[in-house]
Amino acid sequence: MTSQAFDPDRAILKTEDMFKPLAVGRTTSLRAALAQGRVREASDLLLLNHERGPIAFVKAEMAYHHVAQGEIEGEPYLVSF
């Protein structure tokens, strides 16, 4: 296996974000989200394994936003996909 050098000509560097990050203002349990119909049982999820417990993100939302950010008990986090 050969390693390839980074090619700066292939980088897409912009001063503005192409996609607006998903700002997470509050969370709810997965059980409640399923019961409320906000998440379907067949939904693909991405999981953040946090010391306070797992946090699930809907993969379709993350595929659009690419970044989610919020706070857990005053501690900021950022998830990228």
N, C-alpha and C. Protein backbone atom coordinates (compact mmCIF):
# COMPACT_ATOMS: atom_id res chain seq x y z
N MET A 1 0.85 -1.18 0.00
CA MET A 1 0.00 0.00 0.00
C MET A 1 0.89 1.24 0.00
N THR A 2 0.62 2.14 -0.92
CA THR A 2 1.39 3.37 -0.98
C THR A 2 0.58 4.52 -0.43
N SER A 3 1.24 5.44 0.22
CA SER A 3 0.52 6.61 0.73
C SER A 3 0.62 7.73 -0.31
N GLN A 4 -0.43 8.52 -0.37
CA GLN A 4 -0.45 9.63 -1.30
C GLN A 4 -0.31 10.92 -0.53
N ALA A 5 0.40 11.84 -1.10
CA ALA A 5 0.59 13.15 -0.48
C ALA A 5 -0.69 13.96 -0.62
N PHE A 6 -0.91 14.86 0.31
CA PHE A 6 -2.05 15.76 0.26
C PHE A 6 -1.89 16.69 -0.93
N ASP A 7 -2.94 16.80 -1.73
CA ASP A 7 -2.93 17.67 -2.91
C ASP A 7 -3.78 18.90 -2.61
N PRO A 8 -3.17 20.06 -2.31
CA PRO A 8 -3.95 21.25 -1.96
C PRO A 8 -4.86 21.74 -3.09
N ASP A 9 -4.58 21.36 -4.33
CA ASP A 9 -5.43 21.77 -5.44
C ASP A 9 -6.80 21.10 -5.39
N ARG A 10 -6.91 19.99 -4.64
CA ARG A 10 -8.19 19.29 -4.53
C ARG A 10 -9.02 19.77 -3.34
N ALA A 11 -8.45 20.58 -2.49
CA ALA A 11 -9.16 21.08 -1.30
C ALA A 11 -10.19 22.12 -1.71
N ILE A 12 -11.33 22.09 -1.04
CA ILE A 12 -12.36 23.10 -1.25
C ILE A 12 -12.36 23.98 0.00
N LEU A 13 -11.74 25.12 -0.10
CA LEU A 13 -11.61 26.03 1.03
C LEU A 13 -12.41 27.28 0.75
N LYS A 14 -13.38 27.55 1.61
CA LYS A 14 -14.25 28.71 1.41
C LYS A 14 -14.37 29.46 2.73
N THR A 15 -14.67 30.73 2.63
CA THR A 15 -14.87 31.52 3.84
C THR A 15 -16.28 31.33 4.40
N GLU A 16 -17.22 30.87 3.57
CA GLU A 16 -18.59 30.62 4.01
C GLU A 16 -18.86 29.13 4.01
N ASP A 17 -19.65 28.68 5.00
CA ASP A 17 -20.02 27.28 5.06
C ASP A 17 -20.94 26.93 3.90
N MET A 18 -20.72 25.77 3.30
CA MET A 18 -21.60 25.31 2.23
C MET A 18 -22.93 24.84 2.82
N PHE A 19 -22.89 24.31 4.03
CA PHE A 19 -24.08 23.80 4.69
C PHE A 19 -24.16 24.41 6.08
N LYS A 20 -25.35 24.75 6.49
CA LYS A 20 -25.55 25.32 7.83
C LYS A 20 -25.46 24.18 8.85
N PRO A 21 -24.60 24.31 9.87
CA PRO A 21 -24.51 23.27 10.90
C PRO A 21 -25.85 23.10 11.61
N LEU A 22 -26.11 21.88 12.04
CA LEU A 22 -27.31 21.57 12.81
C LEU A 22 -27.07 22.01 14.24
N ALA A 23 -27.77 23.05 14.68
CA ALA A 23 -27.62 23.54 16.04
C ALA A 23 -28.58 22.77 16.94
N VAL A 24 -28.04 21.98 17.85
CA VAL A 24 -28.85 21.16 18.74
C VAL A 24 -29.16 21.98 19.98
N GLY A 25 -30.43 22.39 20.11
CA GLY A 25 -30.83 23.20 21.26
C GLY A 25 -31.30 22.37 22.43
N ARG A 26 -31.91 21.22 22.11
CA ARG A 26 -32.36 20.33 23.18
C ARG A 26 -32.39 18.91 22.63
N THR A 27 -32.41 17.96 23.51
CA THR A 27 -32.48 16.56 23.11
C THR A 27 -33.67 15.90 23.79
N THR A 28 -34.05 14.77 23.25
CA THR A 28 -35.12 13.97 23.84
C THR A 28 -34.69 12.51 23.76
N SER A 29 -35.29 11.68 24.55
CA SER A 29 -34.92 10.27 24.52
C SER A 29 -35.36 9.66 23.19
N LEU A 30 -34.65 8.65 22.76
CA LEU A 30 -35.00 7.96 21.51
C LEU A 30 -36.38 7.33 21.66
N ARG A 31 -36.67 6.80 22.82
CA ARG A 31 -37.98 6.19 23.06
C ARG A 31 -39.10 7.22 22.83
N ALA A 32 -38.94 8.44 23.37
CA ALA A 32 -39.95 9.49 23.19
C ALA A 32 -40.03 9.93 21.73
N ALA A 33 -38.89 10.06 21.07
CA ALA A 33 -38.88 10.48 19.66
C ALA A 33 -39.60 9.45 18.79
N LEU A 34 -39.42 8.17 19.09
CA LEU A 34 -40.13 7.12 18.35
C LEU A 34 -41.63 7.19 18.62
N ALA A 35 -42.00 7.34 19.89
CA ALA A 35 -43.41 7.39 20.26
C ALA A 35 -44.11 8.60 19.65
N GLN A 36 -43.40 9.72 19.51
CA GLN A 36 -43.98 10.95 18.94
C GLN A 36 -43.95 10.95 17.42
N GLY A 37 -43.34 9.94 16.82
CA GLY A 37 -43.24 9.87 15.37
C GLY A 37 -42.18 10.78 14.79
N ARG A 38 -41.32 11.32 15.62
CA ARG A 38 -40.25 12.21 15.14
C ARG A 38 -39.11 11.42 14.52
N VAL A 39 -38.99 10.16 14.91
CA VAL A 39 -38.00 9.24 14.35
C VAL A 39 -38.71 7.92 14.06
N ARG A 40 -38.47 7.35 12.89
CA ARG A 40 -39.06 6.06 12.54
C ARG A 40 -38.15 4.93 13.00
N GLU A 41 -38.73 3.78 13.26
CA GLU A 41 -37.92 2.63 13.68
C GLU A 41 -36.89 2.25 12.63
N ALA A 42 -37.20 2.49 11.37
CA ALA A 42 -36.29 2.13 10.28
C ALA A 42 -35.22 3.20 10.01
N SER A 43 -35.25 4.31 10.76
CA SER A 43 -34.28 5.40 10.53
C SER A 43 -32.87 4.95 10.85
N ASP A 44 -31.95 5.30 9.98
CA ASP A 44 -30.54 5.08 10.27
C ASP A 44 -30.07 6.17 11.21
N LEU A 45 -29.32 5.78 12.23
CA LEU A 45 -28.85 6.73 13.24
C LEU A 45 -27.34 6.71 13.34
N LEU A 46 -26.78 7.84 13.68
CA LEU A 46 -25.37 7.94 14.05
C LEU A 46 -25.34 8.17 15.56
N LEU A 47 -24.47 7.46 16.25
CA LEU A 47 -24.42 7.56 17.70
C LEU A 47 -23.16 8.23 18.17
N LEU A 48 -23.32 9.17 19.10
CA LEU A 48 -22.21 9.80 19.80
C LEU A 48 -22.14 9.13 21.16
N ASN A 49 -21.05 8.49 21.46
CA ASN A 49 -20.89 7.81 22.73
C ASN A 49 -20.30 8.79 23.73
N HIS A 50 -21.16 9.38 24.54
CA HIS A 50 -20.76 10.38 25.52
C HIS A 50 -20.80 9.76 26.91
N GLU A 51 -19.99 10.27 27.82
CA GLU A 51 -19.96 9.72 29.18
C GLU A 51 -21.31 9.83 29.88
N ARG A 52 -22.16 10.77 29.48
CA ARG A 52 -23.50 10.93 30.05
C ARG A 52 -24.52 10.00 29.39
N GLY A 53 -24.10 9.28 28.38
CA GLY A 53 -24.98 8.37 27.66
C GLY A 53 -24.95 8.65 26.18
N PRO A 54 -25.42 7.71 25.38
CA PRO A 54 -25.37 7.89 23.92
C PRO A 54 -26.34 8.97 23.45
N ILE A 55 -25.94 9.66 22.40
CA ILE A 55 -26.80 10.64 21.74
C ILE A 55 -26.92 10.20 20.29
N ALA A 56 -28.16 10.10 19.81
CA ALA A 56 -28.41 9.63 18.44
C ALA A 56 -28.74 10.81 17.53
N PHE A 57 -28.19 10.76 16.34
CA PHE A 57 -28.47 11.76 15.30
C PHE A 57 -29.05 11.01 14.11
N VAL A 58 -30.08 11.57 13.48
CA VAL A 58 -30.66 10.95 12.30
C VAL A 58 -29.68 11.13 11.15
N LYS A 59 -29.32 10.01 10.54
CA LYS A 59 -28.30 10.03 9.48
C LYS A 59 -28.69 10.93 8.31
N ALA A 60 -29.97 10.95 7.95
CA ALA A 60 -30.41 11.80 6.83
C ALA A 60 -30.18 13.27 7.14
N GLU A 61 -30.41 13.69 8.37
CA GLU A 61 -30.15 15.09 8.74
C GLU A 61 -28.66 15.38 8.72
N MET A 62 -27.87 14.45 9.22
CA MET A 62 -26.42 14.65 9.24
C MET A 62 -25.84 14.63 7.83
N ALA A 63 -26.43 13.86 6.94
CA ALA A 63 -25.94 13.83 5.55
C ALA A 63 -26.13 15.19 4.89
N TYR A 64 -27.16 15.93 5.30
CA TYR A 64 -27.37 17.27 4.76
C TYR A 64 -26.49 18.30 5.47
N HIS A 65 -26.55 18.33 6.79
CA HIS A 65 -25.85 19.37 7.55
C HIS A 65 -24.35 19.10 7.68
N HIS A 66 -23.95 17.84 7.75
CA HIS A 66 -22.56 17.42 7.91
C HIS A 66 -21.97 17.71 9.29
N VAL A 67 -22.53 18.66 10.00
CA VAL A 67 -22.01 19.04 11.32
C VAL A 67 -23.19 19.30 12.25
N ALA A 68 -23.10 18.76 13.47
CA ALA A 68 -24.07 19.07 14.52
C ALA A 68 -23.28 19.57 15.72
N GLN A 69 -23.82 20.58 16.37
CA GLN A 69 -23.12 21.09 17.55
C GLN A 69 -24.14 21.52 18.59
N GLY A 70 -23.73 21.37 19.83
CA GLY A 70 -24.59 21.73 20.94
C GLY A 70 -23.81 21.67 22.24
N GLU A 71 -24.53 21.53 23.33
CA GLU A 71 -23.89 21.45 24.65
C GLU A 71 -24.53 20.33 25.45
N ILE A 72 -23.73 19.67 26.24
CA ILE A 72 -24.20 18.68 27.20
C ILE A 72 -23.75 19.18 28.56
N GLU A 73 -24.71 19.57 29.37
CA GLU A 73 -24.43 20.11 30.70
C GLU A 73 -23.37 21.22 30.66
N GLY A 74 -23.53 22.14 29.70
CA GLY A 74 -22.64 23.28 29.59
C GLY A 74 -21.34 23.01 28.86
N GLU A 75 -21.09 21.77 28.47
CA GLU A 75 -19.86 21.42 27.74
C GLU A 75 -20.17 21.32 26.25
N PRO A 76 -19.52 22.14 25.42
CA PRO A 76 -19.81 22.12 24.00
C PRO A 76 -19.30 20.82 23.33
N TYR A 77 -20.04 20.39 22.30
CA TYR A 77 -19.59 19.27 21.48
C TYR A 77 -19.85 19.60 20.01
N LEU A 78 -19.14 18.89 19.15
CA LEU A 78 -19.31 19.02 17.72
C LEU A 78 -19.17 17.64 17.13
N VAL A 79 -20.09 17.26 16.27
CA VAL A 79 -20.08 15.97 15.59
C VAL A 79 -20.06 16.26 14.10
N SER A 80 -19.20 15.60 13.36
CA SER A 80 -19.17 15.78 11.90
C SER A 80 -19.36 14.45 11.21
N PHE A 81 -19.92 14.53 10.00
CA PHE A 81 -20.22 13.33 9.21
C PHE A 81 -19.91 13.61 7.77
